[in-house]
């Protein structure tokens, strides 16, 4: 019985890994900044801030009955998780933009591309932490779990992209 469960667990894990690799590799390739402009997702950072704001959460906890608050918090966490998934897609594309820009001969552009890749790496790490924090919020809506500053990192990545754009990389 234990061996059957172990074999099933390994099979499901292998299937999940293969599926994630196929999905990741099937994403459209970003070759230029115009590709990024066409394929990026618009994210309203104000909406995300509202969904994870501790003051609003505290207000809702006081204003709503316990069951209704828990339901509302779960919906807020789900919406925030959707925004994080979109931000991760954008970050994956920006990572490719930075990797391509690093191959340019212009040393200033190469440096700025390195900054973009570094900022995107930090963003991806914060996105992962925020995802886990939001899952904890979803499971335990009354717990006070703070979400890492994803929106400031996201803005920093977009600022780094603007600097890369200024150096007129358009291959």
N, C-alpha and C. Protein backbone atom coordinates (compact mmCIF):
# COMPACT_ATOMS: atom_id res chain seq x y z
N UNK A 1 0.82 -1.19 0.00
CA UNK A 1 0.00 0.00 0.00
C UNK A 1 0.86 1.26 0.00
N UNK A 2 1.89 1.29 0.83
CA UNK A 2 2.77 2.45 0.91
C UNK A 2 3.52 2.62 -0.41
N UNK A 3 3.95 1.52 -1.00
CA UNK A 3 4.69 1.61 -2.27
C UNK A 3 3.79 2.14 -3.38
N UNK A 4 2.52 1.78 -3.36
CA UNK A 4 1.58 2.28 -4.37
C UNK A 4 1.42 3.78 -4.24
N UNK A 5 1.28 4.27 -3.01
CA UNK A 5 1.14 5.71 -2.78
C UNK A 5 2.41 6.44 -3.20
N UNK A 6 3.56 5.85 -2.89
CA UNK A 6 4.83 6.45 -3.27
C UNK A 6 4.98 6.52 -4.79
N UNK A 7 4.62 5.46 -5.49
CA UNK A 7 4.69 5.45 -6.95
C UNK A 7 3.74 6.48 -7.54
N UNK A 8 2.53 6.57 -6.99
CA UNK A 8 1.57 7.57 -7.45
C UNK A 8 2.09 8.98 -7.22
N UNK A 9 2.69 9.24 -6.07
CA UNK A 9 3.22 10.57 -5.76
C UNK A 9 4.34 10.95 -6.72
N UNK A 10 5.23 10.00 -6.99
CA UNK A 10 6.33 10.26 -7.92
C UNK A 10 5.79 10.49 -9.33
N UNK A 11 4.79 9.73 -9.73
CA UNK A 11 4.19 9.89 -11.06
C UNK A 11 3.53 11.26 -11.20
N UNK A 12 2.77 11.65 -10.20
CA UNK A 12 2.09 12.96 -10.26
C UNK A 12 3.11 14.09 -10.26
N UNK A 13 4.15 13.97 -9.47
CA UNK A 13 5.20 14.99 -9.44
C UNK A 13 5.90 15.09 -10.79
N UNK A 14 6.22 13.96 -11.39
CA UNK A 14 6.87 13.95 -12.70
C UNK A 14 5.95 14.55 -13.76
N UNK A 15 4.70 14.18 -13.73
CA UNK A 15 3.74 14.74 -14.68
C UNK A 15 3.61 16.25 -14.51
N UNK A 16 3.55 16.73 -13.27
CA UNK A 16 3.47 18.17 -13.00
C UNK A 16 4.70 18.90 -13.49
N UNK A 17 5.87 18.32 -13.28
CA UNK A 17 7.11 18.94 -13.74
C UNK A 17 7.14 19.00 -15.26
N UNK A 18 6.78 17.92 -15.92
CA UNK A 18 6.76 17.91 -17.39
C UNK A 18 5.76 18.92 -17.93
N UNK A 19 4.60 19.01 -17.31
CA UNK A 19 3.59 19.97 -17.75
C UNK A 19 4.09 21.40 -17.59
N UNK A 20 4.72 21.71 -16.44
CA UNK A 20 5.21 23.08 -16.23
C UNK A 20 6.32 23.43 -17.22
N UNK A 21 7.16 22.45 -17.56
CA UNK A 21 8.20 22.72 -18.56
C UNK A 21 7.60 22.97 -19.93
N UNK A 22 6.59 22.20 -20.29
CA UNK A 22 5.94 22.40 -21.58
C UNK A 22 5.24 23.75 -21.65
N UNK A 23 4.55 24.13 -20.60
CA UNK A 23 3.86 25.41 -20.58
C UNK A 23 4.87 26.55 -20.61
N UNK A 24 5.95 26.45 -19.84
CA UNK A 24 6.96 27.51 -19.80
C UNK A 24 7.64 27.66 -21.16
N UNK A 25 7.93 26.54 -21.82
CA UNK A 25 8.62 26.61 -23.11
C UNK A 25 7.70 26.99 -24.25
N UNK A 26 6.38 26.91 -24.05
CA UNK A 26 5.47 27.25 -25.13
C UNK A 26 5.11 28.73 -25.12
N UNK A 27 5.60 29.49 -24.14
CA UNK A 27 5.33 30.92 -24.10
C UNK A 27 5.98 31.60 -25.29
N UNK A 28 5.34 32.66 -25.81
CA UNK A 28 5.91 33.36 -26.94
C UNK A 28 7.27 33.95 -26.58
N UNK A 29 8.19 33.85 -27.51
CA UNK A 29 9.53 34.36 -27.28
C UNK A 29 9.56 35.87 -27.49
N UNK A 30 10.26 36.56 -26.62
CA UNK A 30 10.43 37.99 -26.71
C UNK A 30 11.78 38.24 -27.38
N UNK A 31 11.75 38.91 -28.51
CA UNK A 31 12.98 39.17 -29.24
C UNK A 31 13.34 40.65 -29.28
N UNK A 32 12.37 41.52 -29.14
CA UNK A 32 12.61 42.96 -29.18
C UNK A 32 11.74 43.65 -28.14
N UNK A 33 12.03 44.93 -27.93
CA UNK A 33 11.19 45.69 -27.01
C UNK A 33 9.78 45.85 -27.55
N UNK A 34 9.63 45.88 -28.87
CA UNK A 34 8.27 45.97 -29.42
C UNK A 34 7.49 44.69 -29.14
N UNK A 35 8.16 43.53 -29.10
CA UNK A 35 7.49 42.29 -28.69
C UNK A 35 6.99 42.41 -27.26
N UNK A 36 7.82 42.98 -26.39
CA UNK A 36 7.42 43.19 -25.00
C UNK A 36 6.19 44.09 -24.94
N UNK A 37 6.21 45.18 -25.71
CA UNK A 37 5.09 46.14 -25.69
C UNK A 37 3.79 45.47 -26.14
N UNK A 38 3.88 44.55 -27.08
CA UNK A 38 2.68 43.89 -27.61
C UNK A 38 2.16 42.81 -26.67
N UNK A 39 3.04 42.15 -25.95
CA UNK A 39 2.64 40.97 -25.17
C UNK A 39 2.51 41.20 -23.67
N UNK A 40 2.92 42.34 -23.19
CA UNK A 40 2.88 42.57 -21.74
C UNK A 40 1.44 42.73 -21.25
N UNK A 41 1.27 42.47 -19.99
CA UNK A 41 -0.01 42.65 -19.33
C UNK A 41 0.04 43.95 -18.55
N UNK A 42 -1.02 44.73 -18.61
CA UNK A 42 -1.11 45.95 -17.82
C UNK A 42 -1.53 45.57 -16.40
N UNK A 43 -0.85 46.11 -15.43
CA UNK A 43 -1.16 45.84 -14.03
C UNK A 43 -1.40 47.16 -13.32
N UNK A 44 -2.51 47.25 -12.63
CA UNK A 44 -2.82 48.43 -11.83
C UNK A 44 -2.29 48.19 -10.42
N UNK A 45 -1.19 48.83 -10.10
CA UNK A 45 -0.56 48.62 -8.80
C UNK A 45 -1.42 49.14 -7.65
N UNK A 46 -2.25 50.15 -7.91
CA UNK A 46 -3.15 50.65 -6.87
C UNK A 46 -4.14 49.58 -6.43
N UNK A 47 -4.65 48.83 -7.39
CA UNK A 47 -5.58 47.75 -7.05
C UNK A 47 -4.89 46.72 -6.17
N UNK A 48 -3.68 46.34 -6.53
CA UNK A 48 -2.94 45.37 -5.72
C UNK A 48 -2.70 45.91 -4.32
N UNK A 49 -2.29 47.18 -4.23
CA UNK A 49 -2.06 47.79 -2.92
C UNK A 49 -3.31 47.73 -2.05
N UNK A 50 -4.46 48.01 -2.67
CA UNK A 50 -5.72 47.97 -1.92
C UNK A 50 -6.03 46.56 -1.44
N UNK A 51 -5.73 45.56 -2.26
CA UNK A 51 -6.05 44.18 -1.89
C UNK A 51 -5.20 43.67 -0.74
N UNK A 52 -3.99 44.18 -0.59
CA UNK A 52 -3.10 43.69 0.47
C UNK A 52 -2.89 44.69 1.60
N UNK A 53 -3.61 45.80 1.58
CA UNK A 53 -3.45 46.84 2.58
C UNK A 53 -3.93 46.36 3.96
N UNK A 54 -3.06 46.44 4.94
CA UNK A 54 -3.37 45.98 6.30
C UNK A 54 -4.44 46.87 6.95
N UNK A 55 -4.42 48.18 6.66
CA UNK A 55 -5.41 49.07 7.25
C UNK A 55 -6.81 48.75 6.75
N UNK A 56 -6.94 48.48 5.46
CA UNK A 56 -8.25 48.11 4.93
C UNK A 56 -8.70 46.77 5.48
N UNK A 57 -7.77 45.86 5.62
CA UNK A 57 -8.10 44.56 6.19
C UNK A 57 -8.59 44.71 7.63
N UNK A 58 -7.93 45.55 8.38
CA UNK A 58 -8.34 45.81 9.76
C UNK A 58 -9.73 46.43 9.81
N UNK A 59 -9.98 47.39 8.93
CA UNK A 59 -11.30 48.02 8.86
C UNK A 59 -12.38 46.99 8.53
N UNK A 60 -12.10 46.12 7.54
CA UNK A 60 -13.08 45.10 7.16
C UNK A 60 -13.34 44.12 8.30
N UNK A 61 -12.29 43.78 9.04
CA UNK A 61 -12.45 42.86 10.17
C UNK A 61 -13.38 43.45 11.24
N UNK A 62 -13.30 44.76 11.41
CA UNK A 62 -14.17 45.41 12.40
C UNK A 62 -15.58 45.62 11.87
N UNK A 63 -15.71 45.87 10.56
CA UNK A 63 -17.00 46.23 9.98
C UNK A 63 -17.87 45.04 9.60
N UNK A 64 -17.27 43.90 9.33
CA UNK A 64 -18.03 42.75 8.83
C UNK A 64 -18.13 41.65 9.87
N UNK A 65 -19.21 40.86 9.81
CA UNK A 65 -19.27 39.66 10.67
C UNK A 65 -18.12 38.71 10.30
N UNK A 66 -17.73 37.88 11.23
CA UNK A 66 -16.56 37.00 11.07
C UNK A 66 -16.62 36.15 9.80
N UNK A 67 -17.74 35.48 9.56
CA UNK A 67 -17.87 34.61 8.38
C UNK A 67 -17.78 35.41 7.09
N UNK A 68 -18.45 36.55 7.06
CA UNK A 68 -18.42 37.38 5.86
C UNK A 68 -17.02 37.95 5.63
N UNK A 69 -16.34 38.31 6.72
CA UNK A 69 -14.97 38.81 6.60
C UNK A 69 -14.05 37.73 6.02
N UNK A 70 -14.19 36.51 6.52
CA UNK A 70 -13.35 35.41 6.02
C UNK A 70 -13.59 35.18 4.53
N UNK A 71 -14.84 35.20 4.12
CA UNK A 71 -15.17 35.02 2.70
C UNK A 71 -14.59 36.16 1.86
N UNK A 72 -14.75 37.36 2.35
CA UNK A 72 -14.27 38.53 1.63
C UNK A 72 -12.74 38.52 1.54
N UNK A 73 -12.08 38.14 2.63
CA UNK A 73 -10.62 38.07 2.62
C UNK A 73 -10.11 37.04 1.62
N UNK A 74 -10.80 35.92 1.53
CA UNK A 74 -10.40 34.89 0.57
C UNK A 74 -10.53 35.41 -0.86
N UNK A 75 -11.60 36.14 -1.14
CA UNK A 75 -11.75 36.71 -2.48
C UNK A 75 -10.67 37.74 -2.77
N UNK A 76 -10.34 38.54 -1.78
CA UNK A 76 -9.26 39.53 -1.95
C UNK A 76 -7.92 38.82 -2.22
N UNK A 77 -7.67 37.75 -1.47
CA UNK A 77 -6.42 36.99 -1.67
C UNK A 77 -6.39 36.36 -3.06
N UNK A 78 -7.52 35.83 -3.53
CA UNK A 78 -7.55 35.24 -4.87
C UNK A 78 -7.27 36.28 -5.95
N UNK A 79 -7.85 37.46 -5.81
CA UNK A 79 -7.59 38.51 -6.79
C UNK A 79 -6.12 38.94 -6.77
N UNK A 80 -5.57 39.06 -5.57
CA UNK A 80 -4.15 39.42 -5.46
C UNK A 80 -3.27 38.33 -6.06
N UNK A 81 -3.64 37.07 -5.88
CA UNK A 81 -2.87 35.97 -6.48
C UNK A 81 -2.93 36.02 -8.00
N UNK A 82 -4.07 36.40 -8.56
CA UNK A 82 -4.16 36.55 -10.02
C UNK A 82 -3.25 37.66 -10.51
N UNK A 83 -3.21 38.76 -9.79
CA UNK A 83 -2.32 39.86 -10.17
C UNK A 83 -0.87 39.40 -10.10
N UNK A 84 -0.52 38.62 -9.08
CA UNK A 84 0.85 38.11 -8.97
C UNK A 84 1.20 37.19 -10.14
N UNK A 85 0.25 36.38 -10.58
CA UNK A 85 0.50 35.49 -11.72
C UNK A 85 0.77 36.31 -12.98
N UNK A 86 0.01 37.37 -13.17
CA UNK A 86 0.23 38.25 -14.33
C UNK A 86 1.58 38.95 -14.22
N UNK A 87 1.91 39.40 -13.02
CA UNK A 87 3.21 40.05 -12.81
C UNK A 87 4.36 39.08 -13.07
N UNK A 88 4.17 37.81 -12.72
CA UNK A 88 5.22 36.82 -12.99
C UNK A 88 5.40 36.61 -14.49
N UNK A 89 4.30 36.58 -15.24
CA UNK A 89 4.42 36.48 -16.70
C UNK A 89 5.20 37.66 -17.26
N UNK A 90 4.88 38.86 -16.79
CA UNK A 90 5.62 40.04 -17.22
C UNK A 90 7.09 39.93 -16.84
N UNK A 91 7.36 39.47 -15.63
CA UNK A 91 8.75 39.33 -15.17
C UNK A 91 9.51 38.32 -16.02
N UNK A 92 8.85 37.23 -16.40
CA UNK A 92 9.52 36.24 -17.26
C UNK A 92 9.89 36.85 -18.60
N UNK A 93 8.97 37.65 -19.16
CA UNK A 93 9.27 38.29 -20.44
C UNK A 93 10.40 39.32 -20.28
N UNK A 94 10.37 40.07 -19.18
CA UNK A 94 11.42 41.07 -18.96
C UNK A 94 12.77 40.42 -18.72
N UNK A 95 12.77 39.25 -18.14
CA UNK A 95 14.03 38.54 -17.95
C UNK A 95 14.64 38.20 -19.32
N UNK A 96 13.77 37.80 -20.26
CA UNK A 96 14.26 37.52 -21.62
C UNK A 96 14.73 38.79 -22.31
N UNK A 97 14.02 39.90 -22.13
CA UNK A 97 14.44 41.18 -22.72
C UNK A 97 15.82 41.56 -22.19
N UNK A 98 16.01 41.43 -20.87
CA UNK A 98 17.31 41.75 -20.28
C UNK A 98 18.41 40.84 -20.78
N UNK A 99 18.11 39.55 -20.92
CA UNK A 99 19.13 38.60 -21.41
C UNK A 99 19.54 38.93 -22.85
N UNK A 100 18.58 39.32 -23.66
CA UNK A 100 18.90 39.68 -25.04
C UNK A 100 19.69 40.98 -25.08
N UNK A 101 19.30 41.95 -24.26
CA UNK A 101 19.99 43.25 -24.25
C UNK A 101 21.42 43.12 -23.73
N UNK A 102 21.68 42.14 -22.87
CA UNK A 102 23.04 41.94 -22.36
C UNK A 102 24.01 41.55 -23.45
N UNK A 103 23.50 40.98 -24.54
CA UNK A 103 24.37 40.53 -25.63
C UNK A 103 24.76 41.66 -26.57
N UNK A 104 24.34 42.88 -26.27
CA UNK A 104 24.65 44.03 -27.11
C UNK A 104 26.09 44.47 -26.88
N UNK A 105 26.69 45.11 -27.88
CA UNK A 105 28.08 45.55 -27.79
C UNK A 105 28.24 46.83 -26.97
N UNK A 106 27.19 47.60 -26.81
CA UNK A 106 27.24 48.86 -26.07
C UNK A 106 27.41 48.58 -24.57
N UNK A 107 28.52 49.02 -23.96
CA UNK A 107 28.76 48.71 -22.55
C UNK A 107 27.72 49.34 -21.60
N UNK A 108 27.22 50.51 -21.96
CA UNK A 108 26.21 51.15 -21.11
C UNK A 108 24.92 50.33 -21.15
N UNK A 109 24.54 49.91 -22.34
CA UNK A 109 23.33 49.09 -22.48
C UNK A 109 23.50 47.75 -21.76
N UNK A 110 24.69 47.17 -21.86
CA UNK A 110 24.94 45.91 -21.16
C UNK A 110 24.78 46.07 -19.65
N UNK A 111 25.31 47.18 -19.11
CA UNK A 111 25.21 47.44 -17.67
C UNK A 111 23.74 47.62 -17.27
N UNK A 112 23.01 48.39 -18.07
CA UNK A 112 21.60 48.63 -17.75
C UNK A 112 20.78 47.33 -17.89
N UNK A 113 21.16 46.49 -18.85
CA UNK A 113 20.49 45.20 -19.00
C UNK A 113 20.77 44.32 -17.78
N UNK A 114 21.98 44.37 -17.26
CA UNK A 114 22.31 43.63 -16.04
C UNK A 114 21.46 44.12 -14.87
N UNK A 115 21.28 45.45 -14.79
CA UNK A 115 20.43 46.01 -13.74
C UNK A 115 18.99 45.54 -13.89
N UNK A 116 18.52 45.47 -15.14
CA UNK A 116 17.16 44.99 -15.40
C UNK A 116 17.01 43.54 -14.97
N UNK A 117 17.98 42.72 -15.31
CA UNK A 117 17.92 41.29 -14.93
C UNK A 117 17.97 41.14 -13.41
N UNK A 118 18.83 41.92 -12.76
CA UNK A 118 18.93 41.84 -11.30
C UNK A 118 17.62 42.29 -10.64
N UNK A 119 17.06 43.40 -11.12
CA UNK A 119 15.80 43.89 -10.56
C UNK A 119 14.68 42.88 -10.79
N UNK A 120 14.67 42.25 -11.96
CA UNK A 120 13.65 41.26 -12.26
C UNK A 120 13.82 40.01 -11.39
N UNK A 121 15.04 39.63 -11.11
CA UNK A 121 15.28 38.49 -10.22
C UNK A 121 14.75 38.78 -8.82
N UNK A 122 15.00 39.99 -8.32
CA UNK A 122 14.48 40.37 -7.01
C UNK A 122 12.95 40.38 -7.02
N UNK A 123 12.38 40.89 -8.10
CA UNK A 123 10.92 40.90 -8.22
C UNK A 123 10.37 39.49 -8.19
N UNK A 124 10.97 38.59 -8.95
CA UNK A 124 10.48 37.21 -8.98
C UNK A 124 10.55 36.55 -7.61
N UNK A 125 11.61 36.84 -6.86
CA UNK A 125 11.72 36.30 -5.50
C UNK A 125 10.60 36.87 -4.62
N UNK A 126 10.37 38.19 -4.70
CA UNK A 126 9.29 38.80 -3.92
C UNK A 126 7.92 38.28 -4.33
N UNK A 127 7.75 38.01 -5.63
CA UNK A 127 6.48 37.45 -6.09
C UNK A 127 6.24 36.08 -5.47
N UNK A 128 7.28 35.28 -5.39
CA UNK A 128 7.17 33.96 -4.78
C UNK A 128 6.82 34.08 -3.29
N UNK A 129 7.51 34.96 -2.58
CA UNK A 129 7.20 35.17 -1.16
C UNK A 129 5.77 35.68 -0.97
N UNK A 130 5.38 36.63 -1.81
CA UNK A 130 4.02 37.19 -1.72
C UNK A 130 2.98 36.12 -1.99
N UNK A 131 3.28 35.25 -2.95
CA UNK A 131 2.34 34.16 -3.27
C UNK A 131 2.10 33.28 -2.05
N UNK A 132 3.18 32.90 -1.35
CA UNK A 132 3.03 32.07 -0.16
C UNK A 132 2.29 32.82 0.95
N UNK A 133 2.59 34.10 1.11
CA UNK A 133 1.88 34.89 2.13
C UNK A 133 0.39 34.97 1.82
N UNK A 134 0.06 35.15 0.55
CA UNK A 134 -1.35 35.24 0.17
C UNK A 134 -2.06 33.89 0.33
N UNK A 135 -1.34 32.81 0.09
CA UNK A 135 -1.95 31.49 0.33
C UNK A 135 -2.24 31.31 1.81
N UNK A 136 -1.33 31.76 2.67
CA UNK A 136 -1.57 31.68 4.10
C UNK A 136 -2.78 32.54 4.47
N UNK A 137 -2.87 33.73 3.87
CA UNK A 137 -4.04 34.59 4.10
C UNK A 137 -5.33 33.92 3.64
N UNK A 138 -5.25 33.20 2.53
CA UNK A 138 -6.45 32.54 2.02
C UNK A 138 -6.88 31.42 2.95
N UNK A 139 -5.91 30.65 3.43
CA UNK A 139 -6.22 29.52 4.31
C UNK A 139 -6.67 30.00 5.70
N UNK A 140 -5.99 31.02 6.22
CA UNK A 140 -6.30 31.57 7.54
C UNK A 140 -6.59 33.07 7.40
N UNK A 141 -7.81 33.43 7.00
CA UNK A 141 -8.12 34.83 6.71
C UNK A 141 -7.96 35.79 7.88
N UNK A 142 -8.05 35.31 9.09
CA UNK A 142 -7.96 36.22 10.24
C UNK A 142 -6.51 36.46 10.69
N UNK A 143 -5.56 35.71 10.15
CA UNK A 143 -4.16 35.90 10.53
C UNK A 143 -3.63 37.18 9.90
N UNK A 144 -2.78 37.84 10.62
CA UNK A 144 -2.16 39.07 10.13
C UNK A 144 -0.82 38.73 9.46
N UNK A 145 -0.87 38.47 8.16
CA UNK A 145 0.32 38.12 7.40
C UNK A 145 0.64 39.28 6.45
N UNK A 146 1.84 39.82 6.57
CA UNK A 146 2.23 40.92 5.69
C UNK A 146 2.78 40.38 4.39
N UNK A 147 2.46 41.07 3.31
CA UNK A 147 2.93 40.69 1.98
C UNK A 147 4.16 41.53 1.65
N UNK A 148 5.23 40.91 1.12
CA UNK A 148 6.42 41.68 0.76
C UNK A 148 6.09 42.80 -0.24
N UNK A 149 6.93 43.82 -0.33
CA UNK A 149 6.65 44.98 -1.19
C UNK A 149 6.80 44.66 -2.68
N UNK A 150 5.85 43.95 -3.22
CA UNK A 150 5.91 43.55 -4.62
C UNK A 150 5.73 44.74 -5.54
N UNK A 151 4.82 45.63 -5.20
CA UNK A 151 4.52 46.74 -6.10
C UNK A 151 5.71 47.68 -6.27
N UNK A 152 6.51 47.90 -5.21
CA UNK A 152 7.68 48.76 -5.36
C UNK A 152 8.74 48.08 -6.21
N UNK A 153 8.91 46.78 -6.05
CA UNK A 153 9.86 46.04 -6.89
C UNK A 153 9.41 46.06 -8.36
N UNK A 154 8.12 45.91 -8.58
CA UNK A 154 7.59 45.91 -9.94
C UNK A 154 7.85 47.26 -10.59
N UNK A 155 7.63 48.34 -9.85
CA UNK A 155 7.88 49.68 -10.38
C UNK A 155 9.37 49.86 -10.67
N UNK A 156 10.22 49.33 -9.81
CA UNK A 156 11.66 49.42 -10.02
C UNK A 156 12.07 48.70 -11.31
N UNK A 157 11.47 47.55 -11.57
CA UNK A 157 11.75 46.81 -12.81
C UNK A 157 11.32 47.63 -14.02
N UNK A 158 10.15 48.23 -13.95
CA UNK A 158 9.68 49.06 -15.08
C UNK A 158 10.58 50.27 -15.29
N UNK A 159 11.09 50.84 -14.20
CA UNK A 159 12.04 51.95 -14.33
C UNK A 159 13.34 51.49 -14.99
N UNK A 160 13.80 50.30 -14.63
CA UNK A 160 15.01 49.74 -15.27
C UNK A 160 14.78 49.50 -16.75
N UNK A 161 13.58 49.05 -17.10
CA UNK A 161 13.26 48.85 -18.51
C UNK A 161 13.27 50.17 -19.26
N UNK A 162 12.81 51.25 -18.64
CA UNK A 162 12.82 52.57 -19.28
C UNK A 162 14.24 53.00 -19.60
N UNK A 163 15.15 52.72 -18.70
CA UNK A 163 16.55 53.09 -18.94
C UNK A 163 17.12 52.29 -20.10
N UNK A 164 16.79 51.01 -20.16
CA UNK A 164 17.24 50.18 -21.29
C UNK A 164 16.65 50.74 -22.59
N UNK A 165 15.39 51.14 -22.55
CA UNK A 165 14.74 51.73 -23.72
C UNK A 165 15.44 53.00 -24.17
N UNK A 166 15.86 53.82 -23.22
CA UNK A 166 16.54 55.08 -23.54
C UNK A 166 17.83 54.85 -24.32
N UNK A 167 18.42 53.73 -24.11
CA UNK A 167 19.68 53.43 -24.81
C UNK A 167 19.41 52.80 -26.16
N UNK A 168 18.18 52.96 -26.61
CA UNK A 168 17.73 52.62 -27.99
C UNK A 168 18.11 51.25 -28.47
N UNK A 169 17.80 50.26 -27.66
CA UNK A 169 18.00 48.88 -28.10
C UNK A 169 16.74 48.44 -28.81
N UNK A 170 16.81 48.21 -30.09
CA UNK A 170 15.66 47.80 -30.91
C UNK A 170 16.09 46.78 -31.95
N UNK A 171 16.68 45.70 -31.55
CA UNK A 171 17.12 44.71 -32.55
C UNK A 171 15.99 43.94 -33.13
